[in-house]
């Protein structure tokens, strides 16, 4: 008899839960996927910095390496990965932002010597570029 009562109780709960789910699925809409708007690339003048800054501390605290694939940008967060394209020859490279600048005129970005070499503008000193954000740094979670 105990098994019969338990079986009926379980069957009743199942029947009630199915009805509740059926009702709630029509009244609650699933969340819509939100697509973040793609950031527009920036276009401007790039310059490079090299040997005179070798080993000097950058704004994020690491030492500048003229052979590294890094760059200085006035506002992008440190650790941001950017694709820099030389608009004159279409060469491009991925760089990591680790410094602030450039501080001359209206320049958009200052790249390492190695990056300028790969982009093909070491001799000219500056070139027109497009800067596209590829990845932003992960947010740091404060621990208490």
N, C-alpha and C. Protein backbone atom coordinates (compact mmCIF):
# COMPACT_ATOMS: atom_id res chain seq x y z
N UNK A 1 0.82 -1.19 0.00
CA UNK A 1 0.00 0.00 0.00
C UNK A 1 0.87 1.26 0.00
N UNK A 2 1.98 1.20 0.78
CA UNK A 2 2.88 2.34 0.86
C UNK A 2 3.44 2.65 -0.53
N UNK A 3 3.80 1.60 -1.29
CA UNK A 3 4.36 1.79 -2.62
C UNK A 3 3.33 2.42 -3.55
N UNK A 4 2.07 2.04 -3.41
CA UNK A 4 1.02 2.59 -4.24
C UNK A 4 0.84 4.08 -3.97
N UNK A 5 0.86 4.47 -2.72
CA UNK A 5 0.70 5.89 -2.35
C UNK A 5 1.90 6.70 -2.87
N UNK A 6 3.10 6.17 -2.70
CA UNK A 6 4.31 6.87 -3.17
C UNK A 6 4.28 7.02 -4.69
N UNK A 7 3.85 5.96 -5.36
CA UNK A 7 3.78 6.00 -6.83
C UNK A 7 2.80 7.05 -7.31
N UNK A 8 1.65 7.13 -6.65
CA UNK A 8 0.64 8.14 -7.02
C UNK A 8 1.16 9.55 -6.75
N UNK A 9 1.88 9.72 -5.64
CA UNK A 9 2.42 11.03 -5.29
C UNK A 9 3.44 11.48 -6.33
N UNK A 10 4.31 10.57 -6.71
CA UNK A 10 5.34 10.89 -7.71
C UNK A 10 4.67 11.20 -9.06
N UNK A 11 3.69 10.39 -9.45
CA UNK A 11 2.99 10.62 -10.72
C UNK A 11 2.28 11.98 -10.69
N UNK A 12 1.71 12.33 -9.57
CA UNK A 12 1.04 13.63 -9.44
C UNK A 12 2.02 14.79 -9.57
N UNK A 13 3.18 14.66 -8.93
CA UNK A 13 4.21 15.71 -9.04
C UNK A 13 4.70 15.85 -10.48
N UNK A 14 4.89 14.75 -11.14
CA UNK A 14 5.34 14.79 -12.53
C UNK A 14 4.29 15.47 -13.40
N UNK A 15 3.05 15.11 -13.20
CA UNK A 15 1.97 15.71 -14.00
C UNK A 15 1.88 17.21 -13.75
N UNK A 16 2.00 17.61 -12.50
CA UNK A 16 1.93 19.04 -12.19
C UNK A 16 3.12 19.80 -12.75
N UNK A 17 4.31 19.23 -12.64
CA UNK A 17 5.49 19.94 -13.13
C UNK A 17 5.44 20.09 -14.64
N UNK A 18 4.91 19.14 -15.36
CA UNK A 18 4.82 19.25 -16.81
C UNK A 18 3.88 20.38 -17.19
N UNK A 19 2.78 20.53 -16.46
CA UNK A 19 1.83 21.60 -16.74
C UNK A 19 2.48 22.95 -16.44
N UNK A 20 3.22 23.05 -15.36
CA UNK A 20 3.87 24.30 -14.99
C UNK A 20 4.88 24.69 -16.06
N UNK A 21 5.66 23.73 -16.55
CA UNK A 21 6.65 24.03 -17.59
C UNK A 21 5.95 24.47 -18.86
N UNK A 22 4.84 23.83 -19.19
CA UNK A 22 4.14 24.18 -20.41
C UNK A 22 3.63 25.61 -20.33
N UNK A 23 3.11 26.01 -19.18
CA UNK A 23 2.59 27.37 -19.02
C UNK A 23 3.72 28.39 -19.04
N UNK A 24 4.83 28.10 -18.34
CA UNK A 24 5.89 29.08 -18.21
C UNK A 24 6.64 29.27 -19.51
N UNK A 25 6.71 28.26 -20.36
CA UNK A 25 7.47 28.41 -21.59
C UNK A 25 6.81 29.39 -22.55
N UNK A 26 5.49 29.55 -22.42
CA UNK A 26 4.83 30.51 -23.30
C UNK A 26 4.92 31.92 -22.76
N UNK A 27 5.10 32.09 -21.46
CA UNK A 27 5.12 33.43 -20.90
C UNK A 27 6.53 34.00 -20.75
N UNK A 28 7.54 33.16 -20.71
CA UNK A 28 8.91 33.63 -20.56
C UNK A 28 9.63 33.46 -21.89
N UNK A 29 10.12 34.57 -22.41
CA UNK A 29 10.85 34.52 -23.68
C UNK A 29 12.32 34.23 -23.41
N UNK A 30 12.93 33.41 -24.24
CA UNK A 30 14.36 33.16 -24.07
C UNK A 30 15.14 34.44 -24.35
N UNK A 31 16.28 34.63 -23.66
CA UNK A 31 17.05 35.86 -23.89
C UNK A 31 17.57 35.89 -25.32
N UNK A 32 17.52 37.07 -25.91
CA UNK A 32 18.03 37.24 -27.27
C UNK A 32 19.53 37.42 -27.21
N UNK A 33 20.21 36.84 -28.16
CA UNK A 33 21.67 36.99 -28.23
C UNK A 33 21.97 38.42 -28.64
N UNK A 34 22.82 39.07 -27.87
CA UNK A 34 23.18 40.44 -28.23
C UNK A 34 24.56 40.42 -28.87
N UNK A 35 24.64 41.01 -30.01
CA UNK A 35 25.91 41.07 -30.72
C UNK A 35 26.50 42.45 -30.48
N UNK A 36 27.70 42.48 -29.92
CA UNK A 36 28.36 43.75 -29.69
C UNK A 36 28.72 44.36 -31.03
N UNK A 37 28.50 45.66 -31.17
CA UNK A 37 28.86 46.28 -32.44
C UNK A 37 30.36 46.19 -32.68
N UNK A 38 30.74 45.89 -33.90
CA UNK A 38 32.15 45.79 -34.23
C UNK A 38 32.76 47.19 -34.19
N UNK A 39 33.92 47.29 -33.54
CA UNK A 39 34.57 48.58 -33.45
C UNK A 39 35.15 48.96 -34.80
N UNK A 40 35.01 50.23 -35.13
CA UNK A 40 35.54 50.71 -36.40
C UNK A 40 37.06 50.81 -36.32
N UNK A 41 37.73 50.42 -37.39
CA UNK A 41 39.19 50.58 -37.41
C UNK A 41 39.56 52.06 -37.41
N UNK A 42 40.72 52.37 -36.86
CA UNK A 42 41.24 53.73 -36.88
C UNK A 42 42.24 53.83 -38.03
N UNK A 43 42.28 54.96 -38.68
CA UNK A 43 43.24 55.21 -39.74
C UNK A 43 44.02 56.46 -39.39
N UNK A 44 45.34 56.40 -39.55
CA UNK A 44 46.17 57.55 -39.24
C UNK A 44 47.63 57.28 -39.52
N UNK A 45 48.47 58.11 -38.95
CA UNK A 45 49.91 58.00 -39.19
C UNK A 45 50.57 57.19 -38.08
N UNK A 46 51.47 56.30 -38.50
CA UNK A 46 52.25 55.49 -37.56
C UNK A 46 53.70 55.93 -37.64
N UNK A 47 54.38 55.82 -36.52
CA UNK A 47 55.82 56.04 -36.46
C UNK A 47 56.40 54.85 -35.70
N UNK A 48 57.72 54.83 -35.55
CA UNK A 48 58.34 53.74 -34.81
C UNK A 48 59.40 54.28 -33.88
N UNK A 49 59.70 53.50 -32.84
CA UNK A 49 60.78 53.87 -31.93
C UNK A 49 61.69 52.68 -31.74
N UNK A 50 62.98 52.96 -31.57
CA UNK A 50 63.95 51.89 -31.62
C UNK A 50 65.03 51.93 -30.57
N UNK A 51 66.27 51.91 -31.03
CA UNK A 51 67.44 51.67 -30.19
C UNK A 51 67.56 52.61 -28.99
N UNK A 52 67.22 53.88 -29.17
CA UNK A 52 67.37 54.83 -28.05
C UNK A 52 66.46 54.51 -26.87
N UNK A 53 65.42 53.70 -27.09
CA UNK A 53 64.50 53.31 -26.02
C UNK A 53 64.71 51.88 -25.54
N UNK A 54 65.65 51.17 -26.15
CA UNK A 54 65.90 49.77 -25.79
C UNK A 54 66.16 49.64 -24.28
N UNK A 55 65.37 48.79 -23.61
CA UNK A 55 65.53 48.54 -22.18
C UNK A 55 64.88 49.57 -21.28
N UNK A 56 64.28 50.62 -21.84
CA UNK A 56 63.60 51.64 -21.04
C UNK A 56 62.22 51.11 -20.65
N UNK A 57 61.78 51.42 -19.44
CA UNK A 57 60.49 50.92 -18.96
C UNK A 57 59.34 51.56 -19.74
N UNK A 58 58.43 50.72 -20.22
CA UNK A 58 57.24 51.20 -20.92
C UNK A 58 56.18 51.57 -19.89
N UNK A 59 55.09 52.16 -20.37
CA UNK A 59 54.03 52.63 -19.46
C UNK A 59 53.37 51.49 -18.68
N UNK A 60 53.40 50.27 -19.21
CA UNK A 60 52.79 49.16 -18.46
C UNK A 60 53.78 48.47 -17.53
N UNK A 61 55.04 48.96 -17.49
CA UNK A 61 56.01 48.43 -16.55
C UNK A 61 57.04 47.48 -17.13
N UNK A 62 56.79 46.94 -18.31
CA UNK A 62 57.79 46.05 -18.89
C UNK A 62 58.86 46.87 -19.61
N UNK A 63 59.98 46.24 -19.91
CA UNK A 63 61.07 46.94 -20.59
C UNK A 63 60.85 46.87 -22.09
N UNK A 64 61.11 48.01 -22.76
CA UNK A 64 60.95 48.07 -24.21
C UNK A 64 61.98 47.18 -24.89
N UNK A 65 61.51 46.40 -25.86
CA UNK A 65 62.36 45.54 -26.66
C UNK A 65 62.14 45.91 -28.12
N UNK A 66 63.14 46.50 -28.75
CA UNK A 66 62.97 46.95 -30.13
C UNK A 66 62.69 45.79 -31.08
N UNK A 67 63.00 44.56 -30.67
CA UNK A 67 62.71 43.38 -31.48
C UNK A 67 61.36 42.74 -31.16
N UNK A 68 60.66 43.29 -30.18
CA UNK A 68 59.35 42.76 -29.81
C UNK A 68 58.27 43.26 -30.75
N UNK A 69 57.15 42.60 -30.75
CA UNK A 69 56.02 43.01 -31.59
C UNK A 69 55.00 43.72 -30.72
N UNK A 70 55.38 44.96 -30.35
CA UNK A 70 54.58 45.77 -29.43
C UNK A 70 54.37 47.15 -30.02
N UNK A 71 53.49 47.92 -29.35
CA UNK A 71 53.19 49.26 -29.84
C UNK A 71 52.71 50.15 -28.70
N UNK A 72 52.79 51.45 -28.95
CA UNK A 72 52.27 52.45 -28.03
C UNK A 72 51.03 53.08 -28.67
N UNK A 73 49.97 53.22 -27.88
CA UNK A 73 48.73 53.84 -28.34
C UNK A 73 48.25 54.75 -27.21
N UNK A 74 47.67 55.90 -27.55
CA UNK A 74 47.28 56.84 -26.50
C UNK A 74 46.17 56.37 -25.56
N UNK A 75 45.27 55.50 -26.02
CA UNK A 75 44.10 55.17 -25.19
C UNK A 75 43.77 53.69 -25.04
N UNK A 76 44.18 52.84 -25.95
CA UNK A 76 43.80 51.42 -25.86
C UNK A 76 44.38 50.78 -24.60
N UNK A 77 43.63 49.91 -23.95
CA UNK A 77 44.13 49.24 -22.74
C UNK A 77 45.37 48.41 -23.03
N UNK A 78 46.27 48.36 -22.06
CA UNK A 78 47.46 47.52 -22.18
C UNK A 78 47.03 46.08 -22.38
N UNK A 79 47.72 45.38 -23.26
CA UNK A 79 47.39 44.00 -23.56
C UNK A 79 46.46 43.83 -24.75
N UNK A 80 45.90 44.94 -25.24
CA UNK A 80 45.03 44.86 -26.41
C UNK A 80 45.87 44.41 -27.61
N UNK A 81 45.33 43.47 -28.38
CA UNK A 81 46.00 43.00 -29.59
C UNK A 81 45.38 43.75 -30.77
N UNK A 82 46.24 44.32 -31.62
CA UNK A 82 45.77 45.07 -32.77
C UNK A 82 46.42 44.55 -34.04
N UNK A 83 45.69 44.65 -35.13
CA UNK A 83 46.23 44.37 -36.45
C UNK A 83 46.54 45.71 -37.08
N UNK A 84 47.80 45.93 -37.41
CA UNK A 84 48.23 47.18 -38.03
C UNK A 84 48.55 46.89 -39.49
N UNK A 85 47.92 47.63 -40.39
CA UNK A 85 48.13 47.45 -41.83
C UNK A 85 48.73 48.72 -42.41
N UNK A 86 49.86 48.58 -43.10
CA UNK A 86 50.48 49.68 -43.82
C UNK A 86 49.63 49.90 -45.07
N UNK A 87 49.02 51.07 -45.19
CA UNK A 87 48.11 51.32 -46.31
C UNK A 87 48.83 51.53 -47.64
N UNK A 88 50.14 51.78 -47.58
CA UNK A 88 50.90 51.96 -48.82
C UNK A 88 51.25 50.64 -49.49
N UNK A 89 51.59 49.61 -48.69
CA UNK A 89 52.02 48.34 -49.29
C UNK A 89 51.15 47.15 -48.87
N UNK A 90 50.14 47.38 -48.04
CA UNK A 90 49.17 46.36 -47.57
C UNK A 90 49.78 45.30 -46.66
N UNK A 91 51.02 45.48 -46.22
CA UNK A 91 51.61 44.55 -45.24
C UNK A 91 50.92 44.80 -43.90
N UNK A 92 50.74 43.70 -43.14
CA UNK A 92 50.09 43.85 -41.84
C UNK A 92 50.77 42.95 -40.82
N UNK A 93 50.52 43.28 -39.55
CA UNK A 93 51.14 42.55 -38.45
C UNK A 93 50.25 42.66 -37.22
N UNK A 94 50.32 41.66 -36.33
CA UNK A 94 49.60 41.71 -35.06
C UNK A 94 50.56 42.22 -33.99
N UNK A 95 50.12 43.21 -33.22
CA UNK A 95 50.93 43.81 -32.16
C UNK A 95 50.15 43.85 -30.87
N UNK A 96 50.88 43.94 -29.76
CA UNK A 96 50.28 44.05 -28.42
C UNK A 96 50.60 45.45 -27.89
N UNK A 97 49.58 46.12 -27.37
CA UNK A 97 49.77 47.46 -26.81
C UNK A 97 50.39 47.32 -25.42
N UNK A 98 51.57 47.96 -25.23
CA UNK A 98 52.23 47.91 -23.92
C UNK A 98 52.78 49.27 -23.49
N UNK A 99 52.46 50.32 -24.26
CA UNK A 99 53.01 51.64 -23.94
C UNK A 99 52.03 52.73 -24.35
N UNK A 100 52.30 53.95 -23.91
CA UNK A 100 51.50 55.12 -24.27
C UNK A 100 52.28 55.96 -25.26
N UNK A 101 51.56 56.66 -26.10
CA UNK A 101 52.15 57.51 -27.11
C UNK A 101 51.40 57.26 -28.39
N UNK A 102 51.83 57.75 -29.49
CA UNK A 102 52.95 58.66 -29.69
C UNK A 102 52.60 60.08 -29.22
N UNK A 103 53.62 60.88 -29.00
CA UNK A 103 53.44 62.22 -28.46
C UNK A 103 53.82 63.30 -29.47
N UNK A 104 53.92 62.95 -30.74
CA UNK A 104 54.28 63.92 -31.76
C UNK A 104 53.10 64.10 -32.72
N UNK A 105 52.65 65.33 -32.86
CA UNK A 105 51.57 65.65 -33.79
C UNK A 105 50.32 64.82 -33.58
N UNK A 106 49.72 64.44 -34.68
CA UNK A 106 48.47 63.67 -34.66
C UNK A 106 48.69 62.19 -34.94
N UNK A 107 49.85 61.68 -34.61
CA UNK A 107 50.14 60.27 -34.89
C UNK A 107 49.21 59.35 -34.11
N UNK A 108 48.86 58.25 -34.73
CA UNK A 108 47.91 57.29 -34.16
C UNK A 108 48.57 56.23 -33.30
N UNK A 109 49.72 55.73 -33.75
CA UNK A 109 50.36 54.61 -33.07
C UNK A 109 51.86 54.67 -33.30
N UNK A 110 52.60 54.22 -32.31
CA UNK A 110 54.06 54.11 -32.37
C UNK A 110 54.37 52.63 -32.27
N UNK A 111 55.02 52.05 -33.26
CA UNK A 111 55.30 50.62 -33.24
C UNK A 111 56.78 50.38 -32.97
N UNK A 112 57.10 49.18 -32.54
CA UNK A 112 58.50 48.83 -32.30
C UNK A 112 59.27 48.82 -33.63
N UNK A 113 60.59 48.87 -33.53
CA UNK A 113 61.44 48.83 -34.72
C UNK A 113 61.16 47.57 -35.53
N UNK A 114 61.06 46.42 -34.86
CA UNK A 114 60.80 45.15 -35.56
C UNK A 114 59.47 45.20 -36.32
N UNK A 115 58.46 45.80 -35.72
CA UNK A 115 57.16 45.91 -36.38
C UNK A 115 57.27 46.82 -37.60
N UNK A 116 57.98 47.95 -37.46
CA UNK A 116 58.15 48.87 -38.59
C UNK A 116 58.91 48.20 -39.72
N UNK A 117 59.89 47.38 -39.37
CA UNK A 117 60.66 46.66 -40.38
C UNK A 117 59.75 45.71 -41.16
N UNK A 118 58.92 44.96 -40.44
CA UNK A 118 58.01 44.02 -41.11
C UNK A 118 56.93 44.74 -41.92
N UNK A 119 56.54 45.93 -41.44
CA UNK A 119 55.54 46.70 -42.17
C UNK A 119 56.15 47.49 -43.33
N UNK A 120 57.48 47.55 -43.37
CA UNK A 120 58.16 48.17 -44.50
C UNK A 120 58.28 49.68 -44.46
N UNK A 121 58.39 50.27 -43.24
CA UNK A 121 58.55 51.72 -43.21
C UNK A 121 59.67 52.21 -42.29
N UNK A 122 60.66 51.39 -42.03
CA UNK A 122 61.79 51.82 -41.20
C UNK A 122 62.49 53.02 -41.84
N UNK A 123 62.77 52.95 -43.12
CA UNK A 123 63.51 54.02 -43.78
C UNK A 123 62.73 55.34 -43.84
N UNK A 124 61.44 55.28 -44.08
CA UNK A 124 60.64 56.51 -44.18
C UNK A 124 60.31 57.10 -42.82
N UNK A 125 60.30 56.28 -41.78
CA UNK A 125 60.02 56.76 -40.42
C UNK A 125 58.55 56.80 -40.05
N UNK A 126 57.69 57.10 -41.00
CA UNK A 126 56.24 57.12 -40.76
C UNK A 126 55.52 56.55 -41.97
N UNK A 127 54.28 56.17 -41.76
CA UNK A 127 53.43 55.69 -42.86
C UNK A 127 51.98 55.78 -42.43
N UNK A 128 51.07 55.74 -43.38
CA UNK A 128 49.64 55.71 -43.07
C UNK A 128 49.24 54.27 -42.79
N UNK A 129 48.49 54.07 -41.71
CA UNK A 129 48.10 52.72 -41.29
C UNK A 129 46.62 52.67 -40.93
N UNK A 130 46.12 51.45 -40.90
CA UNK A 130 44.80 51.15 -40.32
C UNK A 130 45.07 50.28 -39.11
N UNK A 131 44.43 50.61 -37.98
CA UNK A 131 44.58 49.85 -36.73
C UNK A 131 43.23 49.24 -36.39
N UNK A 132 43.21 47.91 -36.31
CA UNK A 132 41.98 47.19 -35.98
C UNK A 132 42.18 46.40 -34.69
N UNK A 133 41.24 46.50 -33.78
CA UNK A 133 41.32 45.72 -32.54
C UNK A 133 40.97 44.27 -32.85
N UNK A 134 41.88 43.37 -32.46
CA UNK A 134 41.68 41.94 -32.68
C UNK A 134 41.18 41.28 -31.40
N UNK A 135 41.77 41.68 -30.25
CA UNK A 135 41.37 41.10 -28.97
C UNK A 135 41.65 42.10 -27.86
N UNK A 136 40.73 42.19 -26.95
CA UNK A 136 40.92 43.03 -25.77
C UNK A 136 41.42 42.15 -24.63
N UNK A 137 42.16 42.74 -23.68
CA UNK A 137 42.66 41.93 -22.57
C UNK A 137 41.51 41.44 -21.69
N UNK A 138 41.71 40.30 -21.05
CA UNK A 138 40.70 39.76 -20.13
C UNK A 138 40.58 40.69 -18.93
N UNK A 139 39.38 40.84 -18.43
CA UNK A 139 39.17 41.69 -17.25
C UNK A 139 39.77 41.01 -16.02
N UNK A 140 40.41 41.81 -15.21
CA UNK A 140 40.97 41.28 -13.97
C UNK A 140 39.90 41.30 -12.90
N UNK A 141 39.76 40.23 -12.17
CA UNK A 141 38.76 40.14 -11.11
C UNK A 141 39.46 40.42 -9.79
N UNK A 142 38.96 41.41 -9.08
CA UNK A 142 39.54 41.76 -7.78
C UNK A 142 39.21 40.67 -6.77
N UNK A 143 40.22 40.26 -6.04
CA UNK A 143 40.02 39.23 -5.01
C UNK A 143 40.10 39.89 -3.64
N UNK A 144 39.16 39.58 -2.79
CA UNK A 144 39.14 40.17 -1.45
C UNK A 144 39.50 39.14 -0.42
